[in-house]
Amino acid sequence: MRTVENGLQGWTGVLAVVLASGLVACGGGTPSVSFVTPADGATVSSPVAMEFMASNLNISPVPEEVETPREGIGHHHVAIDTECLPVGEAIPRADPWVHFGDGSETYETLLPAGQYMLTLQIGDDEHRTQEGLCTTISITVE
């Protein structure tokens, strides 16, 4: 005879897989962007490995031809020692910005020892900044 407790044990694994894969609809929510690594205030060595993530926003490569930016879709841009750009501004294709128009969510760069500010900002298909989709952290490189 199967008890409720035994029946739930099988569902625990299924629930874990569903939650981990993001298959549960969470009613949308406010889009945000963050560094997975490094953590704010971390002391790291060079090369500095970065991993980014976005919540409630799809990260996608930029199409070859863009007539109008796709709604709810963007891509990452990272800069060293600069602040978030104003909403609606095109992110420059020049230092200090690195574009990830291919949809990448990782980056590694050599940095000499010192303190740095890392800025992660989402751009749409036209590389224009989006409301609330920028974050800045500080790190120390040994």
C-alpha atoms as a PDB file:
ATOM      1  CA  MET A   1       0.000   0.000   0.000  1.00  0.00           C
ATOM      2  CA  ARG A   2       1.323   3.424  -0.952  1.00  0.00           C
ATOM      3  CA  THR A   3       1.033   6.151   1.643  1.00  0.00           C
ATOM      4  CA  VAL A   4       0.755   9.860   0.967  1.00  0.00           C
ATOM      5  CA  GLU A   5       4.276  10.302   2.349  1.00  0.00           C
ATOM      6  CA  ASN A   6       5.708   7.718  -0.076  1.00  0.00           C
ATOM      7  CA  GLY A   7       3.808   9.249  -2.983  1.00  0.00           C
ATOM      8  CA  LEU A   8       5.199  12.698  -2.232  1.00  0.00           C
ATOM      9  CA  GLN A   9       8.775  11.434  -2.236  1.00  0.00           C
ATOM     10  CA  GLY A  10       8.543  10.767  -5.977  1.00  0.00           C
ATOM     11  CA  TRP A  11       7.084  14.208  -6.595  1.00  0.00           C
ATOM     12  CA  THR A  12       9.837  15.951  -4.644  1.00  0.00           C
ATOM     13  CA  GLY A  13      12.373  15.106  -7.362  1.00  0.00           C
ATOM     14  CA  VAL A  14       9.988  16.190 -10.122  1.00  0.00           C
ATOM     15  CA  LEU A  15       9.322  19.485  -8.355  1.00  0.00           C
ATOM     16  CA  ALA A  16      13.058  20.113  -7.961  1.00  0.00           C
ATOM     17  CA  VAL A  17      13.609  19.557 -11.692  1.00  0.00           C
ATOM     18  CA  VAL A  18      10.707  21.837 -12.631  1.00  0.00           C
ATOM     19  CA  LEU A  19      11.913  24.632 -10.348  1.00  0.00           C
ATOM     20  CA  ALA A  20      15.530  24.315 -11.492  1.00  0.00           C
ATOM     21  CA  SER A  21      14.561  24.396 -15.147  1.00  0.00           C
ATOM     22  CA  GLY A  22      12.402  27.482 -14.729  1.00  0.00           C
ATOM     23  CA  LEU A  23       9.265  25.754 -15.990  1.00  0.00           C
ATOM     24  CA  VAL A  24       7.121  27.244 -13.252  1.00  0.00           C
ATOM     25  CA  ALA A  25       5.385  30.418 -14.329  1.00  0.00           C
ATOM     26  CA  CYS A  26       5.970  33.081 -11.736  1.00  0.00           C
ATOM     27  CA  GLY A  27       3.585  35.651 -13.098  1.00  0.00           C
ATOM     28  CA  GLY A  28       6.204  37.707 -14.866  1.00  0.00           C
ATOM     29  CA  GLY A  29       7.811  40.022 -12.399  1.00  0.00           C
ATOM     30  CA  THR A  30      10.125  42.929 -12.883  1.00  0.00           C
ATOM     31  CA  PRO A  31      13.079  42.234 -15.178  1.00  0.00           C
ATOM     32  CA  SER A  32      16.496  42.499 -13.537  1.00  0.00           C
ATOM     33  CA  VAL A  33      20.129  41.823 -14.338  1.00  0.00           C
ATOM     34  CA  SER A  34      22.927  40.663 -12.048  1.00  0.00           C
ATOM     35  CA  PHE A  35      26.392  39.212 -11.808  1.00  0.00           C
ATOM     36  CA  VAL A  36      26.415  35.536 -10.848  1.00  0.00           C
ATOM     37  CA  THR A  37      30.182  35.887 -10.354  1.00  0.00           C
ATOM     38  CA  PRO A  38      32.096  37.691  -9.077  1.00  0.00           C
ATOM     39  CA  ALA A  39      30.140  38.763  -6.019  1.00  0.00           C
ATOM     40  CA  ASP A  40      30.006  42.411  -5.013  1.00  0.00           C
ATOM     41  CA  GLY A  41      33.021  43.151  -2.820  1.00  0.00           C
ATOM     42  CA  ALA A  42      34.872  39.973  -3.860  1.00  0.00           C
ATOM     43  CA  THR A  43      38.639  39.703  -4.050  1.00  0.00           C
ATOM     44  CA  VAL A  44      39.600  37.787  -7.190  1.00  0.00           C
ATOM     45  CA  SER A  45      42.643  36.941  -9.255  1.00  0.00           C
ATOM     46  CA  SER A  46      43.282  37.752 -12.892  1.00  0.00           C
ATOM     47  CA  PRO A  47      42.008  36.731 -15.343  1.00  0.00           C
ATOM     48  CA  VAL A  48      38.674  37.841 -13.891  1.00  0.00           C
ATOM     49  CA  ALA A  49      35.857  35.453 -14.786  1.00  0.00           C
ATOM     50  CA  MET A  50      32.391  36.984 -14.988  1.00  0.00           C
ATOM     51  CA  GLU A  51      29.027  35.309 -15.363  1.00  0.00           C
ATOM     52  CA  PHE A  52      25.820  37.276 -15.889  1.00  0.00           C
ATOM     53  CA  MET A  53      22.137  36.506 -15.558  1.00  0.00           C
ATOM     54  CA  ALA A  54      18.846  38.175 -16.261  1.00  0.00           C
ATOM     55  CA  SER A  55      15.555  37.455 -14.547  1.00  0.00           C
ATOM     56  CA  ASN A  56      12.176  37.899 -16.220  1.00  0.00           C
ATOM     57  CA  LEU A  57      13.904  38.840 -19.479  1.00  0.00           C
ATOM     58  CA  ASN A  58      14.999  36.688 -22.403  1.00  0.00           C
ATOM     59  CA  ILE A  59      18.657  36.948 -23.417  1.00  0.00           C
ATOM     60  CA  SER A  60      19.112  36.365 -27.126  1.00  0.00           C
ATOM     61  CA  PRO A  61      21.618  37.056 -29.886  1.00  0.00           C
ATOM     62  CA  VAL A  62      20.922  40.221 -31.842  1.00  0.00           C
ATOM     63  CA  PRO A  63      19.403  39.450 -35.272  1.00  0.00           C
ATOM     64  CA  GLU A  64      21.465  40.400 -38.320  1.00  0.00           C
ATOM     65  CA  GLU A  65      18.761  42.836 -39.423  1.00  0.00           C
ATOM     66  CA  VAL A  66      16.687  44.774 -36.913  1.00  0.00           C
ATOM     67  CA  GLU A  67      13.556  46.614 -38.003  1.00  0.00           C
ATOM     68  CA  THR A  68      12.301  47.210 -34.469  1.00  0.00           C
ATOM     69  CA  PRO A  69      13.660  45.915 -31.164  1.00  0.00           C
ATOM     70  CA  ARG A  70      11.973  42.763 -29.890  1.00  0.00           C
ATOM     71  CA  GLU A  71       9.938  43.279 -26.717  1.00  0.00           C
ATOM     72  CA  GLY A  72      11.204  41.514 -23.580  1.00  0.00           C
ATOM     73  CA  ILE A  73      14.490  40.486 -25.210  1.00  0.00           C
ATOM     74  CA  GLY A  74      17.963  41.892 -24.704  1.00  0.00           C
ATOM     75  CA  HIS A  75      21.642  41.093 -24.436  1.00  0.00           C
ATOM     76  CA  HIS A  76      24.443  41.862 -21.994  1.00  0.00           C
ATOM     77  CA  HIS A  77      27.045  44.630 -22.070  1.00  0.00           C
ATOM     78  CA  VAL A  78      29.786  44.987 -19.474  1.00  0.00           C
ATOM     79  CA  ALA A  79      32.078  47.903 -18.684  1.00  0.00           C
ATOM     80  CA  ILE A  80      34.940  48.431 -16.294  1.00  0.00           C
ATOM     81  CA  ASP A  81      35.110  51.581 -14.182  1.00  0.00           C
ATOM     82  CA  THR A  82      32.062  53.305 -15.590  1.00  0.00           C
ATOM     83  CA  GLU A  83      28.505  53.802 -14.372  1.00  0.00           C
ATOM     84  CA  CYS A  84      25.140  52.812 -15.809  1.00  0.00           C
ATOM     85  CA  LEU A  85      24.107  54.769 -18.870  1.00  0.00           C
ATOM     86  CA  PRO A  86      20.791  56.663 -18.904  1.00  0.00           C
ATOM     87  CA  VAL A  87      17.684  54.789 -20.058  1.00  0.00           C
ATOM     88  CA  GLY A  88      17.232  54.855 -23.843  1.00  0.00           C
ATOM     89  CA  GLU A  89      20.847  55.701 -24.620  1.00  0.00           C
ATOM     90  CA  ALA A  90      22.740  53.580 -27.156  1.00  0.00           C
ATOM     91  CA  ILE A  91      25.588  51.695 -25.514  1.00  0.00           C
ATOM     92  CA  PRO A  92      28.790  52.725 -27.326  1.00  0.00           C
ATOM     93  CA  ARG A  93      30.680  50.140 -29.338  1.00  0.00           C
ATOM     94  CA  ALA A  94      33.916  51.337 -27.786  1.00  0.00           C
ATOM     95  CA  ASP A  95      35.939  51.214 -24.588  1.00  0.00           C
ATOM     96  CA  PRO A  96      34.998  50.685 -21.836  1.00  0.00           C
ATOM     97  CA  TRP A  97      31.980  48.687 -23.106  1.00  0.00           C
ATOM     98  CA  VAL A  98      32.096  45.068 -24.267  1.00  0.00           C
ATOM     99  CA  HIS A  99      29.045  43.895 -26.234  1.00  0.00           C
ATOM    100  CA  PHE A 100      27.648  40.368 -26.092  1.00  0.00           C
ATOM    101  CA  GLY A 101      25.368  40.569 -29.118  1.00  0.00           C
ATOM    102  CA  ASP A 102      25.837  36.816 -29.564  1.00  0.00           C
ATOM    103  CA  GLY A 103      23.830  36.209 -26.378  1.00  0.00           C
ATOM    104  CA  SER A 104      26.855  35.199 -24.272  1.00  0.00           C
ATOM    105  CA  GLU A 105      26.521  35.254 -20.509  1.00  0.00           C
ATOM    106  CA  THR A 106      30.192  34.824 -19.574  1.00  0.00           C
ATOM    107  CA  TYR A 107      33.347  36.878 -20.008  1.00  0.00           C
ATOM    108  CA  GLU A 108      36.952  36.660 -18.887  1.00  0.00           C
ATOM    109  CA  THR A 109      39.423  39.526 -18.902  1.00  0.00           C
ATOM    110  CA  LEU A 110      42.911  40.262 -17.625  1.00  0.00           C
ATOM    111  CA  LEU A 111      43.067  43.063 -15.070  1.00  0.00           C
ATOM    112  CA  PRO A 112      46.094  44.289 -13.121  1.00  0.00           C
ATOM    113  CA  ALA A 113      45.915  44.303  -9.315  1.00  0.00           C
ATOM    114  CA  GLY A 114      43.636  47.020  -7.982  1.00  0.00           C
ATOM    115  CA  GLN A 115      40.043  47.972  -7.265  1.00  0.00           C
ATOM    116  CA  TYR A 116      37.455  48.030 -10.033  1.00  0.00           C
ATOM    117  CA  MET A 117      33.825  48.835 -10.642  1.00  0.00           C
ATOM    118  CA  LEU A 118      32.070  46.392 -12.995  1.00  0.00           C
ATOM    119  CA  THR A 119      28.869  47.539 -14.685  1.00  0.00           C
ATOM    120  CA  LEU A 120      26.449  45.144 -16.365  1.00  0.00           C
ATOM    121  CA  GLN A 121      23.779  46.703 -18.565  1.00  0.00           C
ATOM    122  CA  ILE A 122      21.158  45.200 -20.849  1.00  0.00           C
ATOM    123  CA  GLY A 123      20.654  46.581 -24.315  1.00  0.00           C
ATOM    124  CA  ASP A 124      17.825  45.848 -26.733  1.00  0.00           C
ATOM    125  CA  ASP A 125      18.357  44.817 -30.371  1.00  0.00           C
ATOM    126  CA  GLU A 126      19.482  48.401 -31.099  1.00  0.00           C
ATOM    127  CA  HIS A 127      21.845  48.362 -28.066  1.00  0.00           C
ATOM    128  CA  ARG A 128      19.653  50.905 -26.262  1.00  0.00           C
ATOM    129  CA  THR A 129      19.568  50.748 -22.490  1.00  0.00           C
ATOM    130  CA  GLN A 130      16.439  49.558 -20.701  1.00  0.00           C
ATOM    131  CA  GLU A 131      14.728  50.809 -17.531  1.00  0.00           C
ATOM    132  CA  GLY A 132      16.078  49.105 -14.397  1.00  0.00           C
ATOM    133  CA  LEU A 133      18.390  46.729 -16.278  1.00  0.00           C
ATOM    134  CA  CYS A 134      21.785  47.831 -15.032  1.00  0.00           C
ATOM    135  CA  THR A 135      23.832  46.881 -11.997  1.00  0.00           C
ATOM    136  CA  THR A 136      27.260  47.827 -10.708  1.00  0.00           C
ATOM    137  CA  ILE A 137      29.524  45.924  -8.338  1.00  0.00           C
ATOM    138  CA  SER A 138      32.986  46.526  -6.897  1.00  0.00           C
ATOM    139  CA  ILE A 139      35.816  43.986  -6.889  1.00  0.00           C
ATOM    140  CA  THR A 140      39.450  43.867  -5.881  1.00  0.00           C
ATOM    141  CA  VAL A 141      41.978  42.054  -8.079  1.00  0.00           C
ATOM    142  CA  GLU A 142      45.011  40.633  -6.258  1.00  0.00           C
END
